PDB file of N, CA and C in Angstrom:
ATOM      1  N   MET A   1      -0.735  -1.606 -88.398  1.00  0.00           N
ATOM      2  CA  MET A   1      -2.027  -1.431 -89.026  1.00  0.00           C
ATOM      3  C   MET A   1      -3.075  -2.197 -88.218  1.00  0.00           C
ATOM      4  N   ALA A   2      -4.084  -1.522 -87.746  1.00  0.00           N
ATOM      5  CA  ALA A   2      -5.123  -2.139 -86.919  1.00  0.00           C
ATOM      6  C   ALA A   2      -6.233  -2.699 -87.797  1.00  0.00           C
ATOM      7  N   TYR A   3      -6.720  -3.870 -87.430  1.00  0.00           N
ATOM      8  CA  TYR A   3      -7.788  -4.511 -88.185  1.00  0.00           C
ATOM      9  C   TYR A   3      -9.099  -4.525 -87.419  1.00  0.00           C
ATOM     10  N   GLY A   4      -9.243  -3.696 -86.434  1.00  0.00           N
ATOM     11  CA  GLY A   4     -10.490  -3.618 -85.692  1.00  0.00           C
ATOM     12  C   GLY A   4     -10.317  -4.072 -84.261  1.00  0.00           C
ATOM     13  N   ASN A   5     -11.264  -3.688 -83.491  1.00  0.00           N
ATOM     14  CA  ASN A   5     -11.290  -3.986 -82.077  1.00  0.00           C
ATOM     15  C   ASN A   5     -11.809  -5.408 -81.859  1.00  0.00           C
ATOM     16  N   ALA A   6     -11.129  -6.170 -81.049  1.00  0.00           N
ATOM     17  CA  ALA A   6     -11.542  -7.553 -80.779  1.00  0.00           C
ATOM     18  C   ALA A   6     -12.945  -7.600 -80.201  1.00  0.00           C
ATOM     19  N   GLN A   7     -13.318  -6.627 -79.376  1.00  0.00           N
ATOM     20  CA  GLN A   7     -14.668  -6.593 -78.802  1.00  0.00           C
ATOM     21  C   GLN A   7     -15.709  -6.429 -79.905  1.00  0.00           C
ATOM     22  N   ASN A   8     -15.428  -5.607 -80.916  1.00  0.00           N
ATOM     23  CA  ASN A   8     -16.364  -5.436 -82.026  1.00  0.00           C
ATOM     24  C   ASN A   8     -16.548  -6.732 -82.796  1.00  0.00           C
ATOM     25  N   VAL A   9     -15.464  -7.466 -82.998  1.00  0.00           N
ATOM     26  CA  VAL A   9     -15.548  -8.746 -83.698  1.00  0.00           C
ATOM     27  C   VAL A   9     -16.384  -9.716 -82.872  1.00  0.00           C
ATOM     28  N   GLU A  10     -16.136  -9.773 -81.575  1.00  0.00           N
ATOM     29  CA  GLU A  10     -16.906 -10.668 -80.708  1.00  0.00           C
ATOM     30  C   GLU A  10     -18.378 -10.300 -80.735  1.00  0.00           C
ATOM     31  N   ASP A  11     -18.685  -9.004 -80.599  1.00  0.00           N
ATOM     32  CA  ASP A  11     -20.079  -8.566 -80.630  1.00  0.00           C
ATOM     33  C   ASP A  11     -20.741  -8.919 -81.957  1.00  0.00           C
ATOM     34  N   SER A  12     -20.009  -8.790 -83.060  1.00  0.00           N
ATOM     35  CA  SER A  12     -20.596  -9.061 -84.367  1.00  0.00           C
ATOM     36  C   SER A  12     -20.959 -10.535 -84.523  1.00  0.00           C
ATOM     37  N   LEU A  13     -20.366 -11.400 -83.732  1.00  0.00           N
ATOM     38  CA  LEU A  13     -20.694 -12.823 -83.760  1.00  0.00           C
ATOM     39  C   LEU A  13     -21.691 -13.200 -82.673  1.00  0.00           C
ATOM     40  N   VAL A  14     -21.512 -12.669 -81.484  1.00  0.00           N
ATOM     41  CA  VAL A  14     -22.330 -13.043 -80.335  1.00  0.00           C
ATOM     42  C   VAL A  14     -23.753 -12.511 -80.456  1.00  0.00           C
ATOM     43  N   GLU A  15     -23.903 -11.283 -80.910  1.00  0.00           N
ATOM     44  CA  GLU A  15     -25.242 -10.687 -80.962  1.00  0.00           C
ATOM     45  C   GLU A  15     -26.178 -11.434 -81.913  1.00  0.00           C
ATOM     46  N   PRO A  16     -25.767 -11.710 -83.162  1.00  0.00           N
ATOM     47  CA  PRO A  16     -26.667 -12.488 -84.019  1.00  0.00           C
ATOM     48  C   PRO A  16     -26.932 -13.888 -83.468  1.00  0.00           C
ATOM     49  N   ALA A  17     -25.939 -14.501 -82.858  1.00  0.00           N
ATOM     50  CA  ALA A  17     -26.122 -15.838 -82.287  1.00  0.00           C
ATOM     51  C   ALA A  17     -27.166 -15.806 -81.173  1.00  0.00           C
ATOM     52  N   ALA A  18     -27.139 -14.772 -80.346  1.00  0.00           N
ATOM     53  CA  ALA A  18     -28.114 -14.642 -79.260  1.00  0.00           C
ATOM     54  C   ALA A  18     -29.520 -14.456 -79.824  1.00  0.00           C
ATOM     55  N   VAL A  19     -29.629 -13.684 -80.896  1.00  0.00           N
ATOM     56  CA  VAL A  19     -30.932 -13.461 -81.530  1.00  0.00           C
ATOM     57  C   VAL A  19     -31.443 -14.765 -82.136  1.00  0.00           C
ATOM     58  N   VAL A  20     -30.591 -15.479 -82.840  1.00  0.00           N
ATOM     59  CA  VAL A  20     -30.979 -16.760 -83.438  1.00  0.00           C
ATOM     60  C   VAL A  20     -31.432 -17.724 -82.356  1.00  0.00           C
ATOM     61  N   ARG A  21     -30.665 -17.807 -81.280  1.00  0.00           N
ATOM     62  CA  ARG A  21     -31.008 -18.724 -80.182  1.00  0.00           C
ATOM     63  C   ARG A  21     -32.388 -18.384 -79.598  1.00  0.00           C
ATOM     64  N   ALA A  22     -32.651 -17.103 -79.373  1.00  0.00           N
ATOM     65  CA  ALA A  22     -33.936 -16.688 -78.793  1.00  0.00           C
ATOM     66  C   ALA A  22     -35.092 -17.029 -79.722  1.00  0.00           C
ATOM     67  N   ILE A  23     -34.940 -16.712 -81.002  1.00  0.00           N
ATOM     68  CA  ILE A  23     -36.013 -16.997 -81.961  1.00  0.00           C
ATOM     69  C   ILE A  23     -36.229 -18.504 -82.068  1.00  0.00           C
ATOM     70  N   TYR A  24     -35.141 -19.245 -82.170  1.00  0.00           N
ATOM     71  CA  TYR A  24     -35.231 -20.697 -82.333  1.00  0.00           C
ATOM     72  C   TYR A  24     -35.926 -21.355 -81.133  1.00  0.00           C
ATOM     73  N   GLN A  25     -35.551 -20.967 -79.943  1.00  0.00           N
ATOM     74  CA  GLN A  25     -36.173 -21.551 -78.748  1.00  0.00           C
ATOM     75  C   GLN A  25     -37.670 -21.276 -78.717  1.00  0.00           C
ATOM     76  N   ARG A  26     -38.034 -20.067 -79.111  1.00  0.00           N
ATOM     77  CA  ARG A  26     -39.457 -19.717 -79.119  1.00  0.00           C
ATOM     78  C   ARG A  26     -40.202 -20.462 -80.224  1.00  0.00           C
ATOM     79  N   GLU A  27     -39.580 -20.590 -81.385  1.00  0.00           N
ATOM     80  CA  GLU A  27     -40.215 -21.333 -82.476  1.00  0.00           C
ATOM     81  C   GLU A  27     -40.448 -22.782 -82.066  1.00  0.00           C
ATOM     82  N   ARG A  28     -39.475 -23.383 -81.397  1.00  0.00           N
ATOM     83  CA  ARG A  28     -39.630 -24.775 -80.938  1.00  0.00           C
ATOM     84  C   ARG A  28     -40.760 -24.905 -79.934  1.00  0.00           C
ATOM     85  N   ALA A  29     -41.024 -23.828 -79.190  1.00  0.00           N
ATOM     86  CA  ALA A  29     -42.117 -23.831 -78.210  1.00  0.00           C
ATOM     87  C   ALA A  29     -43.448 -23.418 -78.848  1.00  0.00           C
ATOM     88  N   GLY A  30     -43.425 -23.096 -80.155  1.00  0.00           N
ATOM     89  CA  GLY A  30     -44.647 -22.704 -80.842  1.00  0.00           C
ATOM     90  C   GLY A  30     -45.062 -21.271 -80.590  1.00  0.00           C
ATOM     91  N   VAL A  31     -44.103 -20.427 -80.203  1.00  0.00           N
ATOM     92  CA  VAL A  31     -44.392 -19.034 -79.885  1.00  0.00           C
ATOM     93  C   VAL A  31     -43.700 -18.140 -80.911  1.00  0.00           C
ATOM     94  N   SER A  32     -44.422 -17.145 -81.404  1.00  0.00           N
ATOM     95  CA  SER A  32     -43.809 -16.220 -82.357  1.00  0.00           C
ATOM     96  C   SER A  32     -42.998 -15.156 -81.614  1.00  0.00           C
ATOM     97  N   THR A  33     -42.103 -14.516 -82.342  1.00  0.00           N
ATOM     98  CA  THR A  33     -41.233 -13.483 -81.770  1.00  0.00           C
ATOM     99  C   THR A  33     -41.351 -12.233 -82.624  1.00  0.00           C
ATOM    100  N   ASN A  34     -41.573 -11.100 -81.973  1.00  0.00           N
ATOM    101  CA  ASN A  34     -41.596  -9.849 -82.734  1.00  0.00           C
ATOM    102  C   ASN A  34     -40.363  -9.013 -82.392  1.00  0.00           C
ATOM    103  N   LEU A  35     -40.119  -8.017 -83.206  1.00  0.00           N
ATOM    104  CA  LEU A  35     -38.931  -7.186 -83.029  1.00  0.00           C
ATOM    105  C   LEU A  35     -38.872  -6.535 -81.649  1.00  0.00           C
ATOM    106  N   ARG A  36     -40.006  -6.154 -81.126  1.00  0.00           N
ATOM    107  CA  ARG A  36     -40.053  -5.476 -79.822  1.00  0.00           C
ATOM    108  C   ARG A  36     -39.527  -6.377 -78.692  1.00  0.00           C
ATOM    109  N   GLN A  37     -39.677  -7.664 -78.822  1.00  0.00           N
ATOM    110  CA  GLN A  37     -39.292  -8.606 -77.763  1.00  0.00           C
ATOM    111  C   GLN A  37     -37.813  -8.954 -77.763  1.00  0.00           C
ATOM    112  N   LEU A  38     -37.143  -8.764 -78.886  1.00  0.00           N
ATOM    113  CA  LEU A  38     -35.779  -9.273 -79.030  1.00  0.00           C
ATOM    114  C   LEU A  38     -34.802  -8.771 -77.984  1.00  0.00           C
ATOM    115  N   HIS A  39     -34.844  -7.480 -77.679  1.00  0.00           N
ATOM    116  CA  HIS A  39     -33.850  -6.967 -76.735  1.00  0.00           C
ATOM    117  C   HIS A  39     -34.075  -7.528 -75.327  1.00  0.00           C
ATOM    118  N   THR A  40     -35.306  -7.777 -74.975  1.00  0.00           N
ATOM    119  CA  THR A  40     -35.592  -8.371 -73.664  1.00  0.00           C
ATOM    120  C   THR A  40     -35.154  -9.829 -73.637  1.00  0.00           C
ATOM    121  N   LEU A  41     -35.468 -10.550 -74.698  1.00  0.00           N
ATOM    122  CA  LEU A  41     -35.118 -11.973 -74.770  1.00  0.00           C
ATOM    123  C   LEU A  41     -33.616 -12.204 -74.787  1.00  0.00           C
ATOM    124  N   THR A  42     -32.884 -11.292 -75.424  1.00  0.00           N
ATOM    125  CA  THR A  42     -31.437 -11.456 -75.570  1.00  0.00           C
ATOM    126  C   THR A  42     -30.640 -10.696 -74.521  1.00  0.00           C
ATOM    127  N   GLU A  43     -31.335  -9.878 -73.731  1.00  0.00           N
ATOM    128  CA  GLU A  43     -30.694  -9.047 -72.700  1.00  0.00           C
ATOM    129  C   GLU A  43     -29.607  -8.148 -73.287  1.00  0.00           C
ATOM    130  N   MET A  44     -29.917  -7.554 -74.443  1.00  0.00           N
ATOM    131  CA  MET A  44     -28.997  -6.597 -75.053  1.00  0.00           C
ATOM    132  C   MET A  44     -29.784  -5.336 -75.395  1.00  0.00           C
ATOM    133  N   PRO A  45     -29.099  -4.229 -75.587  1.00  0.00           N
ATOM    134  CA  PRO A  45     -29.809  -2.997 -75.956  1.00  0.00           C
ATOM    135  C   PRO A  45     -30.634  -3.212 -77.233  1.00  0.00           C
ATOM    136  N   GLN A  46     -31.769  -2.540 -77.304  1.00  0.00           N
ATOM    137  CA  GLN A  46     -32.670  -2.718 -78.434  1.00  0.00           C
ATOM    138  C   GLN A  46     -31.977  -2.425 -79.765  1.00  0.00           C
ATOM    139  N   THR A  47     -31.151  -1.387 -79.808  1.00  0.00           N
ATOM    140  CA  THR A  47     -30.479  -1.058 -81.068  1.00  0.00           C
ATOM    141  C   THR A  47     -29.573  -2.193 -81.536  1.00  0.00           C
ATOM    142  N   LYS A  48     -28.885  -2.834 -80.616  1.00  0.00           N
ATOM    143  CA  LYS A  48     -28.006  -3.961 -80.986  1.00  0.00           C
ATOM    144  C   LYS A  48     -28.822  -5.163 -81.443  1.00  0.00           C
ATOM    145  N   ALA A  49     -29.912  -5.448 -80.762  1.00  0.00           N
ATOM    146  CA  ALA A  49     -30.762  -6.575 -81.148  1.00  0.00           C
ATOM    147  C   ALA A  49     -31.359  -6.344 -82.535  1.00  0.00           C
ATOM    148  N   LEU A  50     -31.812  -5.125 -82.790  1.00  0.00           N
ATOM    149  CA  LEU A  50     -32.393  -4.813 -84.097  1.00  0.00           C
ATOM    150  C   LEU A  50     -31.340  -4.844 -85.194  1.00  0.00           C
ATOM    151  N   ARG A  51     -30.150  -4.379 -84.885  1.00  0.00           N
ATOM    152  CA  ARG A  51     -29.058  -4.421 -85.858  1.00  0.00           C
ATOM    153  C   ARG A  51     -28.702  -5.878 -86.180  1.00  0.00           C
ATOM    154  N   ALA A  52     -28.674  -6.717 -85.158  1.00  0.00           N
ATOM    155  CA  ALA A  52     -28.344  -8.129 -85.364  1.00  0.00           C
ATOM    156  C   ALA A  52     -29.394  -8.819 -86.222  1.00  0.00           C
ATOM    157  N   VAL A  53     -30.672  -8.594 -85.942  1.00  0.00           N
ATOM    158  CA  VAL A  53     -31.723  -9.249 -86.722  1.00  0.00           C
ATOM    159  C   VAL A  53     -31.753  -8.696 -88.145  1.00  0.00           C
ATOM    160  N   SER A  54     -31.422  -7.443 -88.314  1.00  0.00           N
ATOM    161  CA  SER A  54     -31.341  -6.868 -89.654  1.00  0.00           C
ATOM    162  C   SER A  54     -30.245  -7.557 -90.466  1.00  0.00           C
ATOM    163  N   GLY A  55     -29.110  -7.791 -89.833  1.00  0.00           N
ATOM    164  CA  GLY A  55     -28.022  -8.504 -90.495  1.00  0.00           C
ATOM    165  C   GLY A  55     -28.404  -9.927 -90.835  1.00  0.00           C
ATOM    166  N   LEU A  56     -29.138 -10.576 -89.934  1.00  0.00           N
ATOM    167  CA  LEU A  56     -29.596 -11.942 -90.198  1.00  0.00           C
ATOM    168  C   LEU A  56     -30.556 -11.973 -91.381  1.00  0.00           C
ATOM    169  N   GLU A  57     -31.401 -10.959 -91.470  1.00  0.00           N
ATOM    170  CA  GLU A  57     -32.334 -10.898 -92.595  1.00  0.00           C
ATOM    171  C   GLU A  57     -31.570 -10.649 -93.907  1.00  0.00           C
ATOM    172  N   ARG A  58     -30.631  -9.713 -93.895  1.00  0.00           N
ATOM    173  CA  ARG A  58     -29.835  -9.436 -95.095  1.00  0.00           C
ATOM    174  C   ARG A  58     -29.060 -10.671 -95.547  1.00  0.00           C
ATOM    175  N   SER A  59     -28.615 -11.474 -94.594  1.00  0.00           N
ATOM    176  CA  SER A  59     -27.854 -12.683 -94.897  1.00  0.00           C
ATOM    177  C   SER A  59     -28.746 -13.845 -95.325  1.00  0.00           C
ATOM    178  N   GLY A  60     -30.039 -13.681 -95.172  1.00  0.00           N
ATOM    179  CA  GLY A  60     -30.970 -14.734 -95.563  1.00  0.00           C
ATOM    180  C   GLY A  60     -31.251 -15.769 -94.503  1.00  0.00           C
ATOM    181  N   PHE A  61     -30.796 -15.540 -93.278  1.00  0.00           N
ATOM    182  CA  PHE A  61     -31.008 -16.508 -92.205  1.00  0.00           C
ATOM    183  C   PHE A  61     -32.322 -16.307 -91.466  1.00  0.00           C
ATOM    184  N   ALA A  62     -32.888 -15.114 -91.560  1.00  0.00           N
ATOM    185  CA  ALA A  62     -34.140 -14.801 -90.875  1.00  0.00           C
ATOM    186  C   ALA A  62     -35.059 -14.041 -91.821  1.00  0.00           C
ATOM    187  N   ASN A  63     -36.332 -14.104 -91.522  1.00  0.00           N
ATOM    188  CA  ASN A  63     -37.350 -13.375 -92.283  1.00  0.00           C
ATOM    189  C   ASN A  63     -38.104 -12.470 -91.323  1.00  0.00           C
ATOM    190  N   ILE A  64     -38.422 -11.283 -91.783  1.00  0.00           N
ATOM    191  CA  ILE A  64     -39.221 -10.349 -90.981  1.00  0.00           C
ATOM    192  C   ILE A  64     -40.520 -10.101 -91.726  1.00  0.00           C
ATOM    193  N   GLU A  65     -41.621 -10.477 -91.085  1.00  0.00           N
ATOM    194  CA  GLU A  65     -42.948 -10.250 -91.644  1.00  0.00           C
ATOM    195  C   GLU A  65     -43.426  -8.892 -91.116  1.00  0.00           C
ATOM    196  N   SER A  66     -43.424  -7.908 -91.980  1.00  0.00           N
ATOM    197  CA  SER A  66     -43.708  -6.522 -91.573  1.00  0.00           C
ATOM    198  C   SER A  66     -45.120  -6.343 -91.053  1.00  0.00           C
ATOM    199  N   ASN A  67     -45.220  -5.563 -89.989  1.00  0.00           N
ATOM    200  CA  ASN A  67     -46.500  -5.128 -89.456  1.00  0.00           C
ATOM    201  C   ASN A  67     -46.642  -3.661 -89.859  1.00  0.00           C
ATOM    202  N   MET A  68     -47.594  -3.374 -90.710  1.00  0.00           N
ATOM    203  CA  MET A  68     -47.752  -2.021 -91.259  1.00  0.00           C
ATOM    204  C   MET A  68     -48.167  -0.994 -90.205  1.00  0.00           C
ATOM    205  N   HIS A  69     -48.782  -1.420 -89.123  1.00  0.00           N
ATOM    206  CA  HIS A  69     -49.275  -0.501 -88.100  1.00  0.00           C
ATOM    207  C   HIS A  69     -48.231  -0.191 -87.036  1.00  0.00           C
ATOM    208  N   ASP A  70     -47.356  -1.148 -86.769  1.00  0.00           N
ATOM    209  CA  ASP A  70     -46.332  -0.963 -85.744  1.00  0.00           C
ATOM    210  C   ASP A  70     -45.124  -1.808 -86.133  1.00  0.00           C
ATOM    211  N   ALA A  71     -44.086  -1.167 -86.633  1.00  0.00           N
ATOM    212  CA  ALA A  71     -42.907  -1.883 -87.139  1.00  0.00           C
ATOM    213  C   ALA A  71     -42.300  -2.812 -86.099  1.00  0.00           C
ATOM    214  N   LEU A  72     -42.332  -2.429 -84.821  1.00  0.00           N
ATOM    215  CA  LEU A  72     -41.739  -3.272 -83.780  1.00  0.00           C
ATOM    216  C   LEU A  72     -42.573  -4.507 -83.471  1.00  0.00           C
ATOM    217  N   GLU A  73     -43.778  -4.568 -84.007  1.00  0.00           N
ATOM    218  CA  GLU A  73     -44.611  -5.768 -83.863  1.00  0.00           C
ATOM    219  C   GLU A  73     -44.398  -6.729 -85.022  1.00  0.00           C
ATOM    220  N   SER A  74     -43.491  -6.404 -85.931  1.00  0.00           N
ATOM    221  CA  SER A  74     -43.168  -7.297 -87.046  1.00  0.00           C
ATOM    222  C   SER A  74     -42.615  -8.605 -86.501  1.00  0.00           C
ATOM    223  N   VAL A  75     -43.087  -9.712 -87.056  1.00  0.00           N
ATOM    224  CA  VAL A  75     -42.711 -11.044 -86.581  1.00  0.00           C
ATOM    225  C   VAL A  75     -41.438 -11.510 -87.290  1.00  0.00           C
ATOM    226  N   VAL A  76     -40.533 -12.079 -86.502  1.00  0.00           N
ATOM    227  CA  VAL A  76     -39.258 -12.577 -87.011  1.00  0.00           C
ATOM    228  C   VAL A  76     -39.266 -14.099 -86.940  1.00  0.00           C
ATOM    229  N   THR A  77     -38.870 -14.728 -88.039  1.00  0.00           N
ATOM    230  CA  THR A  77     -38.739 -16.183 -88.076  1.00  0.00           C
ATOM    231  C   THR A  77     -37.393 -16.543 -88.695  1.00  0.00           C
ATOM    232  N   LEU A  78     -36.926 -17.713 -88.364  1.00  0.00           N
ATOM    233  CA  LEU A  78     -35.716 -18.230 -89.001  1.00  0.00           C
ATOM    234  C   LEU A  78     -36.122 -18.889 -90.308  1.00  0.00           C
ATOM    235  N   ASN A  79     -35.220 -18.879 -91.288  1.00  0.00           N
ATOM    236  CA  ASN A  79     -35.557 -19.575 -92.526  1.00  0.00           C
ATOM    237  C   ASN A  79     -35.424 -21.085 -92.300  1.00  0.00           C
ATOM    238  N   ASP A  80     -35.965 -21.842 -93.227  1.00  0.00           N
ATOM    239  CA  ASP A  80     -35.986 -23.306 -93.072  1.00  0.00           C
ATOM    240  C   ASP A  80     -34.586 -23.893 -92.965  1.00  0.00           C
ATOM    241  N   GLU A  81     -33.658 -23.357 -93.735  1.00  0.00           N
ATOM    242  CA  GLU A  81     -32.286 -23.865 -93.727  1.00  0.00           C
ATOM    243  C   GLU A  81     -31.615 -23.653 -92.366  1.00  0.00           C
ATOM    244  N   MET A  82     -31.797 -22.478 -91.791  1.00  0.00           N
ATOM    245  CA  MET A  82     -31.215 -22.182 -90.471  1.00  0.00           C
ATOM    246  C   MET A  82     -31.849 -23.070 -89.411  1.00  0.00           C
ATOM    247  N   ARG A  83     -33.160 -23.214 -89.468  1.00  0.00           N
ATOM    248  CA  ARG A  83     -33.864 -24.045 -88.487  1.00  0.00           C
ATOM    249  C   ARG A  83     -33.402 -25.494 -88.588  1.00  0.00           C
ATOM    250  N   ALA A  84     -33.249 -25.995 -89.810  1.00  0.00           N
ATOM    251  CA  ALA A  84     -32.797 -27.378 -90.007  1.00  0.00           C
ATOM    252  C   ALA A  84     -31.377 -27.574 -89.486  1.00  0.00           C
ATOM    253  N   ALA A  85     -30.503 -26.595 -89.711  1.00  0.00           N
ATOM    254  CA  ALA A  85     -29.122 -26.684 -89.214  1.00  0.00           C
ATOM    255  C   ALA A  85     -29.107 -26.732 -87.687  1.00  0.00           C
ATOM    256  N   LEU A  86     -29.946 -25.939 -87.052  1.00  0.00           N
ATOM    257  CA  LEU A  86     -30.014 -25.940 -85.590  1.00  0.00           C
ATOM    258  C   LEU A  86     -30.594 -27.258 -85.074  1.00  0.00           C
ATOM    259  N   ASP A  87     -31.594 -27.773 -85.765  1.00  0.00           N
ATOM    260  CA  ASP A  87     -32.158 -29.084 -85.392  1.00  0.00           C
ATOM    261  C   ASP A  87     -31.084 -30.165 -85.460  1.00  0.00           C
ATOM    262  N   ARG A  88     -30.279 -30.149 -86.534  1.00  0.00           N
ATOM    263  CA  ARG A  88     -29.208 -31.135 -86.679  1.00  0.00           C
ATOM    264  C   ARG A  88     -28.176 -30.994 -85.562  1.00  0.00           C
ATOM    265  N   ALA A  89     -27.839 -29.764 -85.206  1.00  0.00           N
ATOM    266  CA  ALA A  89     -26.856 -29.522 -84.143  1.00  0.00           C
ATOM    267  C   ALA A  89     -27.371 -30.055 -82.812  1.00  0.00           C
ATOM    268  N   ILE A  90     -28.636 -29.852 -82.530  1.00  0.00           N
ATOM    269  CA  ILE A  90     -29.223 -30.364 -81.288  1.00  0.00           C
ATOM    270  C   ILE A  90     -29.220 -31.889 -81.292  1.00  0.00           C
ATOM    271  N   ALA A  91     -29.571 -32.482 -82.430  1.00  0.00           N
ATOM    272  CA  ALA A  91     -29.583 -33.944 -82.528  1.00  0.00           C
ATOM    273  C   ALA A  91     -28.182 -34.514 -82.326  1.00  0.00           C
ATOM    274  N   ARG A  92     -27.181 -33.847 -82.889  1.00  0.00           N
ATOM    275  CA  ARG A  92     -25.791 -34.293 -82.698  1.00  0.00           C
ATOM    276  C   ARG A  92     -25.382 -34.204 -81.240  1.00  0.00           C
ATOM    277  N   ASP A  93     -25.745 -33.112 -80.608  1.00  0.00           N
ATOM    278  CA  ASP A  93     -25.389 -32.922 -79.187  1.00  0.00           C
ATOM    279  C   ASP A  93     -26.089 -33.942 -78.291  1.00  0.00           C
ATOM    280  N   ALA A  94     -27.275 -34.361 -78.680  1.00  0.00           N
ATOM    281  CA  ALA A  94     -28.036 -35.318 -77.879  1.00  0.00           C
ATOM    282  C   ALA A  94     -27.484 -36.734 -78.022  1.00  0.00           C
ATOM    283  N   ALA A  95     -26.789 -36.981 -79.125  1.00  0.00           N
ATOM    284  CA  ALA A  95     -26.282 -38.333 -79.392  1.00  0.00           C
ATOM    285  C   ALA A  95     -25.062 -38.659 -78.555  1.00  0.00           C
TER     286      ALA A  95
END
C-alpha cells in the first residue's frame, strides 16, 4: 500500500517554508510582498508559490490583504505568531 510519493511530501514542506522565508526576510527589511513577486523570490513556478501561500493562509500562518483591482497585487504578511517564532529561532541561532 503506497502512502504517497516522497517528492510530494518534500515539496509540501519545502514550498511553504520557502514562501515564509521570502516574506519574513522582506518584512524584516521593511518591504511588503505581493502575490505576483512570490514565484520570483522563491524561484519556484507561480502555481506552486500561490498554492503554498494559500495553504499558509488557510493554516493561519499568513494573511493576504486582497487588492480588488489586481489579485496578484494582493499583499501577503505573516501573522504575529509566525513572525515571533521566526524571531525566536534567529535569536537562538545567534546565541
